[in-house]
Protein backbone atom coordinates (compact mmCIF):
# COMPACT_ATOMS: atom_id res chain seq x y z
CA MET A 1 -6.50 4.29 2.96
CA ASN A 2 -7.23 7.54 4.78
CA PRO A 3 -8.27 10.22 2.24
CA SER A 4 -6.00 12.74 3.97
CA ILE A 5 -2.95 10.77 2.81
CA ALA A 6 -3.31 12.12 -0.75
CA ASN A 7 -3.17 15.63 0.68
CA LEU A 8 -0.08 14.69 2.70
CA VAL A 9 1.66 13.36 -0.42
CA ALA A 10 0.94 16.66 -2.17
CA HIS A 11 3.02 18.37 0.53
CA PHE A 12 5.98 15.97 0.46
CA GLY A 13 9.27 17.86 0.54
CA GLU A 14 7.96 21.10 2.01
CA HIS A 15 10.40 20.95 4.94
CA PRO A 16 14.20 20.92 4.91
CA GLN A 17 14.82 17.37 6.19
CA HIS A 18 16.58 15.08 3.75
CA ALA A 19 17.02 11.37 3.03
CA LEU A 20 20.39 9.71 2.49
CA VAL A 21 20.65 6.83 0.00
CA ILE A 22 23.74 4.60 0.10
CA GLY A 23 24.26 1.69 -2.24
CA ASP A 24 25.15 0.16 -5.56
CA VAL A 25 24.40 2.62 -8.35
CA MET A 26 24.15 1.54 -11.96
CA LEU A 27 23.30 2.79 -15.42
CA ASP A 28 20.23 1.22 -17.00
CA ARG A 29 20.53 1.52 -20.77
CA TYR A 30 17.62 0.64 -23.06
CA LEU A 31 17.98 -0.03 -26.79
CA MET A 32 14.43 -0.09 -28.12
CA GLY A 33 13.39 -1.32 -31.53
CA GLU A 34 11.28 -3.64 -33.62
CA VAL A 35 11.63 -7.29 -34.61
CA ASN A 36 10.48 -8.17 -38.12
CA ARG A 37 12.73 -11.09 -39.09
CA ILE A 38 15.15 -13.77 -37.96
CA SER A 39 18.85 -13.37 -38.68
CA PRO A 40 20.17 -15.45 -41.62
CA GLU A 41 23.44 -15.84 -39.67
CA ALA A 42 21.93 -17.57 -36.63
CA PRO A 43 18.45 -18.44 -35.29
CA VAL A 44 18.10 -15.16 -33.42
CA PRO A 45 15.73 -12.19 -33.91
CA VAL A 46 17.05 -9.07 -35.61
CA VAL A 47 16.18 -5.94 -33.61
CA LEU A 48 16.04 -2.73 -35.63
CA ILE A 49 16.97 -0.06 -33.07
CA LYS A 50 14.63 2.96 -33.02
CA SER A 51 15.65 4.73 -29.81
CA GLU A 52 18.06 4.63 -26.87
CA GLN A 53 17.47 5.70 -23.26
CA GLN A 54 19.82 6.07 -20.31
CA ARG A 55 18.29 5.82 -16.84
CA ALA A 56 19.49 5.83 -13.25
CA GLY A 57 19.36 2.29 -11.88
CA GLY A 58 19.94 0.41 -8.65
CA ALA A 59 20.42 2.68 -5.63
CA ALA A 60 20.35 5.65 -8.00
CA ASN A 61 16.78 4.71 -8.95
CA VAL A 62 15.85 4.67 -5.26
CA ALA A 63 17.18 8.23 -5.00
CA ALA A 64 15.33 9.21 -8.19
CA ASN A 65 12.04 7.93 -6.74
CA LEU A 66 12.58 9.97 -3.58
CA ALA A 67 13.48 13.09 -5.54
CA LEU A 68 10.41 12.86 -7.79
CA LEU A 69 8.26 12.48 -4.67
CA GLY A 70 9.65 15.84 -3.57
CA ILE A 71 12.09 14.52 -0.97
CA HIS A 72 15.45 16.28 -0.62
CA THR A 73 17.89 13.45 -1.33
CA ARG A 74 21.65 12.87 -0.97
CA MET A 75 23.37 9.96 -2.73
CA ILE A 76 26.50 7.93 -1.94
CA GLY A 77 27.63 5.40 -4.54
CA LEU A 78 30.65 4.34 -6.55
CA ILE A 79 31.11 4.82 -10.30
CA GLY A 80 33.96 4.15 -12.71
CA ASN A 81 36.04 6.78 -14.46
CA ASP A 82 34.31 6.08 -17.77
CA HIS A 83 31.66 7.17 -20.23
CA GLU A 84 28.94 5.16 -18.44
CA GLY A 85 29.81 6.91 -15.18
CA GLN A 86 29.40 10.31 -16.83
CA ARG A 87 26.03 9.32 -18.25
CA LEU A 88 24.88 7.99 -14.90
CA MET A 89 25.95 11.17 -13.09
CA ALA A 90 24.06 13.22 -15.65
CA ALA A 91 20.94 11.09 -15.14
CA ILE A 92 21.18 11.42 -11.34
CA SER A 93 21.78 15.16 -11.47
CA ASP A 94 18.73 15.63 -13.71
CA TYR A 95 16.57 14.67 -10.73
CA GLY A 96 18.10 17.34 -8.49
CA ILE A 97 19.80 14.77 -6.26
CA ASP A 98 22.77 15.96 -4.19
CA THR A 99 25.75 14.02 -5.61
CA GLN A 100 28.61 15.71 -3.72
CA ALA A 101 29.37 12.47 -1.85
CA MET A 102 29.47 10.29 -4.98
CA LEU A 103 32.80 8.48 -5.41
CA THR A 104 34.81 7.61 -8.52
CA THR A 105 37.28 4.75 -8.95
CA ALA A 106 39.76 3.94 -11.71
CA THR A 107 39.94 0.22 -10.88
CA ARG A 108 36.43 -0.90 -11.83
CA PRO A 109 33.85 0.13 -14.42
CA THR A 110 30.53 1.79 -13.73
CA ILE A 111 27.93 -0.94 -13.31
CA ALA A 112 25.79 -0.89 -16.46
CA LYS A 113 22.92 -3.06 -17.69
CA THR A 114 22.01 -2.78 -21.35
CA ARG A 115 18.60 -4.17 -22.25
CA ILE A 116 17.63 -4.75 -25.87
CA LEU A 117 13.88 -4.62 -26.42
CA GLY A 118 11.80 -5.63 -29.40
CA GLY A 119 8.53 -3.81 -28.75
CA HIS A 120 7.79 -4.47 -25.07
CA GLN A 121 9.67 -7.77 -25.09
CA GLN A 122 13.18 -7.86 -23.62
CA MET A 123 15.34 -9.82 -26.05
CA LEU A 124 18.73 -9.68 -24.34
CA ARG A 125 20.53 -8.06 -21.40
CA LEU A 126 24.24 -7.19 -21.40
CA ASP A 127 25.89 -6.54 -18.01
CA GLN A 128 29.10 -4.65 -17.27
CA GLU A 129 30.34 -4.96 -13.70
CA ILE A 130 32.98 -6.14 -11.26
CA THR A 131 31.58 -7.48 -7.98
CA ALA A 132 34.87 -8.27 -6.23
CA ALA A 133 35.53 -6.69 -2.83
CA LEU A 134 36.57 -3.05 -2.83
CA SER A 135 40.26 -2.29 -2.41
CA ALA A 136 41.41 -0.99 0.96
CA SER A 137 41.66 2.56 -0.38
CA GLU A 138 38.18 2.38 -1.98
CA ALA A 139 36.70 1.00 1.24
CA GLU A 140 38.29 3.84 3.20
CA GLN A 141 36.84 6.39 0.77
CA VAL A 142 33.38 4.93 1.27
CA THR A 143 33.70 4.93 5.06
CA GLN A 144 34.83 8.56 5.11
CA ALA A 145 32.08 9.68 2.73
CA ILE A 146 29.43 8.00 4.86
CA GLY A 147 30.86 9.46 8.06
CA SER A 148 30.70 12.97 6.60
CA ALA A 149 27.17 12.46 5.26
CA LEU A 150 25.89 11.18 8.60
CA GLN A 151 27.16 14.31 10.33
CA GLN A 152 24.58 16.23 8.28
CA GLN A 153 21.82 14.39 10.18
CA PRO A 154 19.56 12.84 7.53
CA ALA A 155 15.96 12.22 8.60
CA LEU A 156 16.12 8.70 7.17
CA ILE A 157 18.73 6.43 5.55
CA ILE A 158 18.24 3.80 2.86
CA LEU A 159 20.79 1.06 2.19
CA SER A 160 20.16 -0.22 -1.34
CA ASP A 161 22.15 -3.43 -1.66
CA TYR A 162 22.56 -5.05 -5.08
CA ALA A 163 25.48 -7.24 -3.91
CA LYS A 164 28.01 -5.34 -6.04
CA GLY A 165 30.55 -4.84 -3.25
CA LEU A 166 29.76 -1.44 -1.70
CA LEU A 167 27.58 -2.47 1.24
CA THR A 168 29.90 -4.68 3.27
CA GLU A 169 28.99 -5.81 6.77
CA GLN A 170 31.30 -3.11 8.17
CA VAL A 171 29.56 -0.37 6.15
CA CYS A 172 26.06 -1.62 7.00
CA GLN A 173 26.80 -1.81 10.70
CA GLN A 174 28.46 1.62 10.65
CA VAL A 175 25.25 3.13 9.31
CA ILE A 176 22.81 1.04 11.36
CA SER A 177 24.63 1.73 14.62
CA TYR A 178 24.65 5.44 13.91
CA GLY A 179 20.96 5.33 13.07
CA ARG A 180 20.09 3.55 16.32
CA GLN A 181 22.19 5.95 18.39
CA HIS A 182 20.61 9.04 16.85
CA GLY A 183 17.04 7.85 16.31
CA ILE A 184 17.34 7.82 12.50
CA PRO A 185 15.39 5.06 10.72
CA VAL A 186 17.51 2.83 8.48
CA LEU A 187 15.66 0.93 5.75
CA VAL A 188 17.42 -1.82 3.81
CA ASP A 189 16.66 -3.38 0.44
CA PRO A 190 18.72 -6.56 1.02
CA LYS A 191 20.53 -9.02 -1.20
CA GLY A 192 22.25 -12.38 -0.72
CA ARG A 193 21.98 -14.90 2.10
CA ASN A 194 23.97 -13.12 4.82
CA TYR A 195 21.37 -10.98 6.54
CA ASP A 196 23.43 -10.71 9.73
CA LYS A 197 25.04 -7.60 8.29
CA TYR A 198 21.61 -5.88 8.47
CA ARG A 199 21.08 -6.71 12.15
CA GLY A 200 19.48 -3.83 14.05
CA ALA A 201 18.11 -1.99 11.02
CA THR A 202 14.66 -0.45 11.26
CA ALA A 203 13.25 -2.56 8.42
CA LEU A 204 14.09 -4.77 5.47
CA THR A 205 12.12 -4.95 2.20
CA PRO A 206 13.14 -8.26 0.55
CA ASN A 207 11.14 -9.77 -2.29
CA LYS A 208 9.68 -13.26 -1.99
CA LYS A 209 12.70 -15.01 -3.52
CA GLU A 210 15.15 -13.08 -1.31
CA THR A 211 13.07 -13.88 1.76
CA ALA A 212 13.07 -17.57 0.93
CA GLU A 213 16.85 -17.55 0.47
CA ALA A 214 17.40 -15.74 3.76
CA CYS A 215 15.13 -18.25 5.52
CA ASP A 216 16.85 -21.20 3.80
CA THR A 217 13.63 -22.40 2.19
CA HIS A 218 11.78 -22.12 -1.15
CA THR A 219 9.27 -19.58 -2.43
CA ASN A 220 6.37 -22.05 -2.36
CA ASP A 221 6.90 -22.93 1.30
CA PRO A 222 3.48 -22.47 3.00
CA ALA A 223 5.34 -21.52 6.19
CA LEU A 224 7.41 -18.80 4.46
CA ILE A 225 5.74 -15.91 6.30
CA ASP A 226 6.12 -17.69 9.65
CA LYS A 227 9.82 -18.14 8.90
CA ALA A 228 10.05 -14.49 7.84
CA ARG A 229 8.54 -13.55 11.22
CA THR A 230 11.32 -15.52 12.91
CA LEU A 231 13.88 -13.76 10.69
CA LYS A 232 12.54 -10.35 11.75
CA ALA A 233 12.88 -11.25 15.42
CA SER A 234 16.38 -12.72 15.02
CA LEU A 235 17.63 -9.53 13.32
CA ALA A 236 15.96 -7.21 15.88
CA LEU A 237 14.06 -5.32 13.17
CA ASP A 238 11.14 -3.01 13.86
CA PHE A 239 9.34 -4.50 10.88
CA LEU A 240 9.82 -6.62 7.77
CA ALA A 241 8.02 -5.95 4.47
CA VAL A 242 8.01 -8.86 2.03
CA THR A 243 7.19 -7.82 -1.54
CA ARG A 244 5.47 -10.72 -3.29
CA GLY A 245 4.81 -9.50 -6.83
CA GLU A 246 1.29 -10.23 -8.00
CA GLU A 247 0.51 -11.52 -4.48
CA GLY A 248 1.03 -8.06 -2.99
CA ILE A 249 3.08 -7.08 0.07
CA THR A 250 3.13 -8.59 3.55
CA LEU A 251 4.01 -6.38 6.52
CA ILE A 252 5.32 -8.15 9.61
CA THR A 253 5.36 -6.14 12.85
CA GLU A 254 3.93 -7.58 16.06
CA GLN A 255 1.03 -8.48 13.78
CA THR A 256 0.96 -9.57 10.14
CA GLU A 257 -0.84 -7.47 7.51
CA HIS A 258 -1.28 -8.43 3.86
CA LEU A 259 -1.78 -5.80 1.17
CA SER A 260 -3.17 -6.97 -2.16
CA ALA A 261 -1.32 -5.97 -5.34
CA THR A 262 -2.78 -2.91 -7.08
CA ALA A 263 -1.30 -3.21 -10.60
CA LYS A 264 -3.88 -3.48 -13.38
CA GLN A 265 -1.28 -4.34 -16.05
CA VAL A 266 2.34 -5.44 -15.67
CA PHE A 267 4.86 -4.58 -18.38
CA ASP A 268 8.13 -4.57 -16.43
CA VAL A 269 8.95 -5.24 -12.77
CA SER A 270 12.40 -3.62 -13.07
CA GLY A 271 12.84 -1.06 -10.32
CA ALA A 272 9.60 -1.89 -8.49
CA GLY A 273 11.53 -2.75 -5.33
CA ASP A 274 13.31 0.61 -5.53
CA THR A 275 9.95 2.37 -5.73
CA VAL A 276 8.61 0.41 -2.75
CA ILE A 277 11.46 1.30 -0.39
CA ALA A 278 11.58 4.93 -1.53
CA THR A 279 7.83 5.50 -1.11
CA LEU A 280 7.87 3.65 2.21
CA ALA A 281 10.67 5.98 3.32
CA ALA A 282 8.81 9.11 2.19
CA GLY A 283 5.74 8.06 4.16
CA LEU A 284 7.73 7.37 7.34
CA MET A 285 9.56 10.70 7.00
CA HIS A 286 6.19 12.46 7.01
CA GLY A 287 4.80 10.74 10.08
CA LEU A 288 2.80 7.90 8.54
CA SER A 289 2.70 4.51 10.25
CA ALA A 290 4.54 1.57 8.73
CA LEU A 291 1.22 0.17 7.47
CA ASP A 292 0.05 3.42 5.86
CA SER A 293 3.51 4.03 4.38
CA LEU A 294 3.61 0.53 2.94
CA SER A 295 0.07 0.92 1.57
CA LEU A 296 1.35 4.02 -0.21
CA ALA A 297 4.37 2.07 -1.49
CA ASN A 298 2.10 -0.72 -2.72
CA ILE A 299 0.10 1.77 -4.79
CA ALA A 300 3.31 3.32 -6.17
CA ALA A 301 4.67 -0.09 -7.20
CA GLY A 302 1.41 -0.79 -9.02
CA VAL A 303 2.04 2.32 -11.12
CA VAL A 304 5.67 1.70 -12.11
CA VAL A 305 5.23 -1.96 -13.14
CA GLY A 306 2.78 -0.70 -15.75
CA LYS A 307 5.60 1.18 -17.47
CA VAL A 308 8.42 -0.16 -19.64
CA GLY A 309 11.86 -0.18 -18.03
CA THR A 310 13.15 1.40 -14.85
CA VAL A 311 10.83 4.35 -14.26
CA PRO A 312 10.55 6.15 -10.89
CA ILE A 313 7.21 7.20 -9.45
CA THR A 314 6.26 10.89 -9.61
CA LYS A 315 4.26 12.74 -6.99
CA ALA A 316 1.51 13.53 -9.52
CA ASP A 317 1.23 9.88 -10.63
CA LEU A 318 1.06 8.73 -7.02
CA ILE A 319 -1.68 11.21 -6.11
CA ASP A 320 -3.72 10.08 -9.12
CA ALA A 321 -3.20 6.43 -8.19
CA ILE A 322 -4.26 7.09 -4.59
CA ALA A 323 -7.52 8.64 -5.81
CA THR A 324 -8.19 5.57 -7.98
CA ALA A 325 -7.33 3.19 -5.13
CA GLN A 326 -9.54 5.06 -2.69
CA GLY A 327 -12.48 4.81 -5.07
CA SER A 328 -11.92 1.06 -5.27
CA GLU A 329 -11.55 0.79 -1.48
CA GLN A 330 -14.83 2.63 -0.96
CA ALA A 331 -16.68 0.20 -3.21
CA HIS A 332 -15.10 -2.74 -1.37
CA LYS A 333 -16.44 -1.46 1.95
CA VAL A 334 -19.81 -2.89 0.94
CA SER A 335 -19.50 -6.49 2.12
CA GLU A 336 -21.31 -9.78 2.28
CA LEU A 337 -21.31 -11.43 5.71
CA PRO A 338 -18.42 -13.93 5.17
CA GLU A 339 -16.16 -11.15 3.85
CA LEU A 340 -17.19 -8.82 6.68
CA LEU A 341 -16.49 -11.44 9.36
CA HIS A 342 -13.02 -11.94 7.88
CA LYS A 343 -12.38 -8.19 8.15
CA VAL A 344 -13.73 -8.15 11.72
CA ALA A 345 -11.44 -11.03 12.73
CA ASN A 346 -8.41 -9.14 11.40
CA TRP A 347 -9.44 -5.92 13.15
CA LYS A 348 -9.95 -7.70 16.45
CA GLN A 349 -6.59 -9.46 16.10
CA GLN A 350 -5.03 -6.00 15.87
CA GLY A 351 -6.78 -4.95 19.08
CA GLN A 352 -9.14 -2.50 17.36
CA ARG A 353 -12.53 -1.62 18.88
CA ILE A 354 -15.48 -2.42 16.63
CA VAL A 355 -18.52 -0.12 16.65
CA PHE A 356 -21.82 -1.26 15.11
CA THR A 357 -24.80 0.85 14.15
CA ASN A 358 -27.74 0.36 11.84
CA GLY A 359 -30.49 2.24 10.03
CA CYS A 360 -32.18 3.12 6.75
CA PHE A 361 -30.08 6.18 5.84
CA ASP A 362 -32.41 7.24 3.05
CA LEU A 363 -31.58 10.63 1.46
CA LEU A 364 -28.27 11.10 3.26
CA HIS A 365 -28.07 14.46 5.08
CA ALA A 366 -25.93 16.37 7.60
CA GLY A 367 -27.67 14.71 10.55
CA HIS A 368 -26.66 11.28 9.25
CA VAL A 369 -23.06 12.32 8.62
CA THR A 370 -22.70 13.94 12.06
CA TYR A 371 -24.22 10.90 13.75
CA LEU A 372 -21.86 8.49 11.97
CA GLU A 373 -18.83 10.63 12.83
CA GLY A 374 -19.92 10.55 16.48
CA ALA A 375 -20.36 6.77 16.38
CA LYS A 376 -16.91 6.27 14.82
CA LYS A 377 -15.30 8.21 17.69
CA ARG A 378 -16.42 5.47 20.09
CA GLY A 379 -13.98 2.99 18.57
CA ASP A 380 -11.57 2.26 15.72
CA LYS A 381 -13.79 0.68 13.05
CA LEU A 382 -17.43 1.50 12.31
CA ILE A 383 -19.70 -1.13 10.72
CA LEU A 384 -23.03 0.07 9.38
CA GLY A 385 -25.91 -2.40 9.08
CA LEU A 386 -28.12 -0.98 6.32
CA ASN A 387 -31.77 -1.91 5.91
CA THR A 388 -32.67 -3.39 2.52
CA ASP A 389 -35.34 -1.75 0.41
CA ARG A 390 -37.89 -4.34 1.56
CA SER A 391 -37.21 -3.74 5.23
CA VAL A 392 -37.25 0.06 4.77
CA SER A 393 -40.68 -0.22 3.15
CA ALA A 394 -41.87 -2.38 6.03
CA LEU A 395 -40.68 0.25 8.52
CA LYS A 396 -41.44 3.49 6.68
CA GLY A 397 -44.27 2.64 4.27
CA PRO A 398 -44.62 1.81 0.57
CA THR A 399 -43.23 5.17 -0.68
CA ARG A 400 -39.88 4.52 0.92
CA PRO A 401 -37.00 4.28 0.36
CA VAL A 402 -36.42 7.15 -2.01
CA VAL A 403 -32.94 5.85 -2.81
CA ASN A 404 -32.42 2.16 -3.59
CA GLU A 405 -30.28 -0.04 -1.34
CA LYS A 406 -27.28 -0.35 -3.69
CA ASP A 407 -27.02 3.41 -4.11
CA ARG A 408 -27.47 4.02 -0.37
CA ALA A 409 -24.72 1.50 0.40
CA ARG A 410 -22.30 2.99 -2.13
CA VAL A 411 -22.81 6.57 -0.88
CA LEU A 412 -22.36 5.54 2.75
CA ALA A 413 -19.20 3.59 1.85
CA ALA A 414 -17.69 6.84 0.54
CA LEU A 415 -17.80 8.38 4.04
CA GLU A 416 -14.46 8.41 5.86
CA SER A 417 -16.15 7.51 9.14
CA VAL A 418 -17.63 4.27 7.76
CA ASP A 419 -15.34 1.24 7.47
CA ALA A 420 -17.85 -1.38 6.31
CA VAL A 421 -21.45 -1.51 5.08
CA ILE A 422 -23.60 -4.63 5.11
CA LEU A 423 -27.22 -4.93 4.00
CA PHE A 424 -29.64 -6.88 6.21
CA ASP A 425 -33.21 -7.89 5.39
CA GLU A 426 -34.47 -9.03 8.80
CA ASP A 427 -36.80 -6.96 10.96
CA THR A 428 -33.90 -6.29 13.36
CA PRO A 429 -30.10 -6.56 13.05
CA LEU A 430 -29.87 -8.91 16.04
CA SER A 431 -28.45 -11.91 14.15
CA LEU A 432 -25.91 -9.62 12.50
CA ILE A 433 -24.86 -8.20 15.87
CA ASN A 434 -24.43 -11.70 17.31
CA ALA A 435 -22.28 -12.70 14.35
CA ILE A 436 -20.04 -9.61 14.54
CA GLN A 437 -19.94 -9.27 18.35
CA PRO A 438 -18.94 -5.59 18.31
CA ASN A 439 -17.33 -3.84 21.26
CA VAL A 440 -19.80 -0.94 21.00
CA ILE A 441 -23.35 -0.66 19.68
CA ALA A 442 -24.37 2.87 18.76
CA LYS A 443 -27.84 4.39 18.37
CA GLY A 444 -29.24 7.90 18.39
CA SER A 445 -29.94 9.70 21.66
CA ASP A 446 -33.67 9.50 20.90
CA TYR A 447 -33.37 5.90 22.15
CA THR A 448 -32.80 4.73 25.69
CA ALA A 449 -30.28 1.99 26.44
CA ASP A 450 -32.99 -0.60 27.12
CA GLN A 451 -34.56 0.11 23.70
CA VAL A 452 -31.41 -0.67 21.71
CA VAL A 453 -31.73 -3.97 19.83
CA GLY A 454 -28.70 -6.08 20.63
CA GLY A 455 -27.76 -3.93 23.61
CA ASN A 456 -28.09 -6.72 26.17
CA GLU A 457 -26.06 -9.06 23.97
CA VAL A 458 -23.23 -6.54 23.56
CA LEU A 459 -23.19 -5.94 27.32
CA SER A 460 -23.03 -9.69 27.90
CA TRP A 461 -19.64 -9.99 26.18
CA GLY A 462 -18.22 -6.93 27.91
CA GLY A 463 -19.18 -4.29 25.34
CA GLU A 464 -21.04 -1.03 25.77
CA ILE A 465 -23.99 0.94 24.43
CA ALA A 466 -23.30 4.43 23.06
CA LEU A 467 -26.14 6.91 22.56
CA ILE A 468 -25.07 9.53 20.02
CA ASP A 469 -26.50 13.06 20.03
CA LEU A 470 -28.59 13.89 16.97
CA VAL A 471 -28.68 17.12 14.99
CA GLU A 472 -32.01 18.75 15.69
CA GLY A 473 -34.35 19.29 12.72
CA ARG A 474 -32.41 17.07 10.31
CA SER A 475 -34.30 14.05 8.99
CA THR A 476 -35.18 12.34 5.73
CA THR A 477 -38.87 12.82 6.51
CA ASN A 478 -38.42 16.60 6.73
CA LEU A 479 -36.52 16.61 3.43
CA ILE A 480 -39.32 14.72 1.69
CA LYS A 481 -41.95 17.09 3.11
CA LYS A 482 -39.93 20.06 1.86
CA LEU A 483 -39.64 18.51 -1.61
CA HIS A 484 -43.38 17.86 -1.75
CA ALA A 485 -44.13 21.44 -0.63
């Protein structure tokens, strides 16, 4: 992930645009306690309640995630005229969410899910809900509320569907059509088997089970992603993001990208889908690509599944998690050849230009950094072939290198301009170049094109040689002389 993304996240919400969330809101109630014995009345555990928490759930949790990321957020949902509705409104308002368009009905209760936990273990869940179709008057209220909210021109709309009756096909198409007409992205967290009602949306974010149901198959189908690609095309979506739990997230655009899961420990997956769609939305609202936005969402999901219950992501937690993920990504830039070739194949499939360069890079200095930045500008991905300690000694003499190969590789991997580092022990990187087949081979301007090892080979498959200007007076040799002096 680009290091500048963390800085962008820090500035989320610093402009007046807002997001609109429409969907099934619910109250998530947690009764937390301890289990020390089995009931004498029946073979069930006795939970001694120690605390109670009320949290915004469903579409309200999506809005809470957006709000805690700094996004100005408006909410449309339906609650009952009851105590649970009051508690839910209080929970939503605590996040600073605009609730002026929230609707109340006397004919159905507020959707509520009460979870009883013994330690971290969920013992029982009690649901309160009516999922029957809305009455004609309730449906008209919803339509009018949405119409008024759309007139305020949200920057992005999320439809959070929990199949509780609010998001009918008429409502979904009302919003999606408006979004298409006015260039407003509409993201949908879908539910059920009838995905036709989402036709024309910008994107859907189903989980693996929901994707399988929509594709009329099973979750272990090896062709599931191929079928999901067909689903995306049939619904005229810009992209489809399939959340796959511990398997990560798959983004389907014209290409297919897979993001590995980032969670180190999973306590509770409740609300993870809400966090994914909210963080994805925040990224898109701030100009990130679908892939970068989803990478951000993947990191956010890895944070919230490590917490107990429905907990939205905060901006501070996300920034911390990005820093941790970037450190891990940097280390993973150092590759063995099979892993590197896999990366190269993916990059080429995406139409990205591969630049290759090589060298010793002992005692990294400004000349090195400037050279690598110049090389990266000649393409999309820069691969650095790094001489091993043995080969550096053969080239430079027995006192070199000053820095060992593992440390040199790790420091170079931390540079934004470098996308992959691979150590090679041969006298020249020719075999490596033939294996990678880069589009561009880069060397310093102290070389001529005919002196560049691998140059003829790169030209033979339609590539080019790039000679990069060097920074005068900057070299490892000069640094060593200065240190000795």
